[in-house]
Amino acid sequence: MKPVEVVLYTRQGCCLCDDAEALLVRHGLRPRLVDIDASPELREQFTNCVPVVQFDGKIRFRGRINEVLLKRLLKNR
């Protein structure tokens, strides 16, 4: 099975973003962190909806990550 490509859209000072990163790491994932404030397009797209978690090109979570759904997603890959 190929590794999951995980992108975590975040911004500085976001506690939910820090929690999301820690949860993903606990589940053996290595998210690529993208600061939405570094890009006007991303800032407009996600505004106050961070963190946003994208798996293999598809957005799966916005805001808090549901750990039960995360486990199910990883199991069914």
Protein backbone atom coordinates (compact mmCIF):
# COMPACT_ATOMS: atom_id res chain seq x y z
CA MET A 1 0.00 0.00 0.00
CA LYS A 2 1.39 3.41 -0.95
CA PRO A 3 1.77 6.08 1.75
CA VAL A 4 -1.02 8.57 2.30
CA GLU A 5 -0.25 12.06 1.02
CA VAL A 6 -1.55 14.36 3.75
CA VAL A 7 -1.67 18.13 3.53
CA LEU A 8 -2.63 20.17 6.58
CA TYR A 9 -3.71 23.71 5.75
CA THR A 10 -3.01 25.82 8.80
CA ARG A 11 -2.03 29.27 10.05
CA GLN A 12 0.21 30.61 12.79
CA GLY A 13 -1.29 30.73 16.28
CA CYS A 14 -4.12 28.27 15.49
CA CYS A 15 -4.60 25.91 18.45
CA LEU A 16 -6.92 23.64 16.45
CA CYS A 17 -4.21 23.38 13.79
CA ASP A 18 -1.66 22.31 16.41
CA ASP A 19 -4.11 19.71 17.74
CA ALA A 20 -4.79 18.42 14.21
CA GLU A 21 -1.09 18.05 13.46
CA ALA A 22 -0.48 16.18 16.74
CA LEU A 23 -3.40 13.82 16.06
CA LEU A 24 -2.21 13.05 12.53
CA VAL A 25 1.31 12.37 13.78
CA ARG A 26 -0.03 10.06 16.52
CA HIS A 27 -1.64 8.01 13.77
CA GLY A 28 1.67 7.65 11.95
CA LEU A 29 1.04 10.32 9.33
CA ARG A 30 3.47 13.02 8.27
CA PRO A 31 1.40 15.94 7.08
CA ARG A 32 2.86 18.58 4.81
CA LEU A 33 2.03 21.88 6.52
CA VAL A 34 0.78 24.72 4.34
CA ASP A 35 0.29 28.15 5.92
CA ILE A 36 -2.77 29.65 4.21
CA ASP A 37 -1.62 33.17 5.04
CA ALA A 38 1.38 32.75 2.71
CA SER A 39 -0.95 32.67 -0.31
CA PRO A 40 -3.79 35.10 -1.08
CA GLU A 41 -5.61 32.33 -2.98
CA LEU A 42 -5.45 29.89 -0.06
CA ARG A 43 -6.40 32.61 2.43
CA GLU A 44 -9.47 33.40 0.32
CA GLN A 45 -10.34 29.73 -0.15
CA PHE A 46 -10.08 28.68 3.50
CA THR A 47 -10.54 32.01 5.37
CA ASN A 48 -11.44 30.92 8.92
CA CYS A 49 -11.92 27.22 8.14
CA VAL A 50 -8.54 25.99 9.35
CA PRO A 51 -7.34 23.42 9.95
CA VAL A 52 -8.20 21.69 6.71
CA VAL A 53 -6.90 18.17 6.13
CA GLN A 54 -6.48 16.83 2.62
CA PHE A 55 -5.79 13.13 1.96
CA ASP A 56 -4.50 12.14 -1.47
CA GLY A 57 -5.90 15.31 -3.02
CA LYS A 58 -9.34 15.19 -1.38
CA ILE A 59 -10.40 17.40 1.54
CA ARG A 60 -11.57 15.14 4.37
CA PHE A 61 -11.73 17.37 7.46
CA ARG A 62 -12.35 21.04 8.24
CA GLY A 63 -11.93 22.30 11.77
CA ARG A 64 -11.62 19.52 14.32
CA ILE A 65 -10.63 16.07 13.13
CA ASN A 66 -13.04 13.32 14.12
CA GLU A 67 -10.66 10.60 15.32
CA VAL A 68 -13.17 7.79 14.70
CA LEU A 69 -13.58 8.90 11.08
CA LEU A 70 -9.81 9.29 10.72
CA LYS A 71 -9.24 5.70 11.92
CA ARG A 72 -11.94 4.45 9.53
CA LEU A 73 -10.41 6.38 6.64
CA LEU A 74 -6.96 4.96 7.32
CA LYS A 75 -8.27 1.41 7.78
CA ASN A 76 -10.19 1.46 4.50
CA ARG A 77 -7.29 2.65 2.33
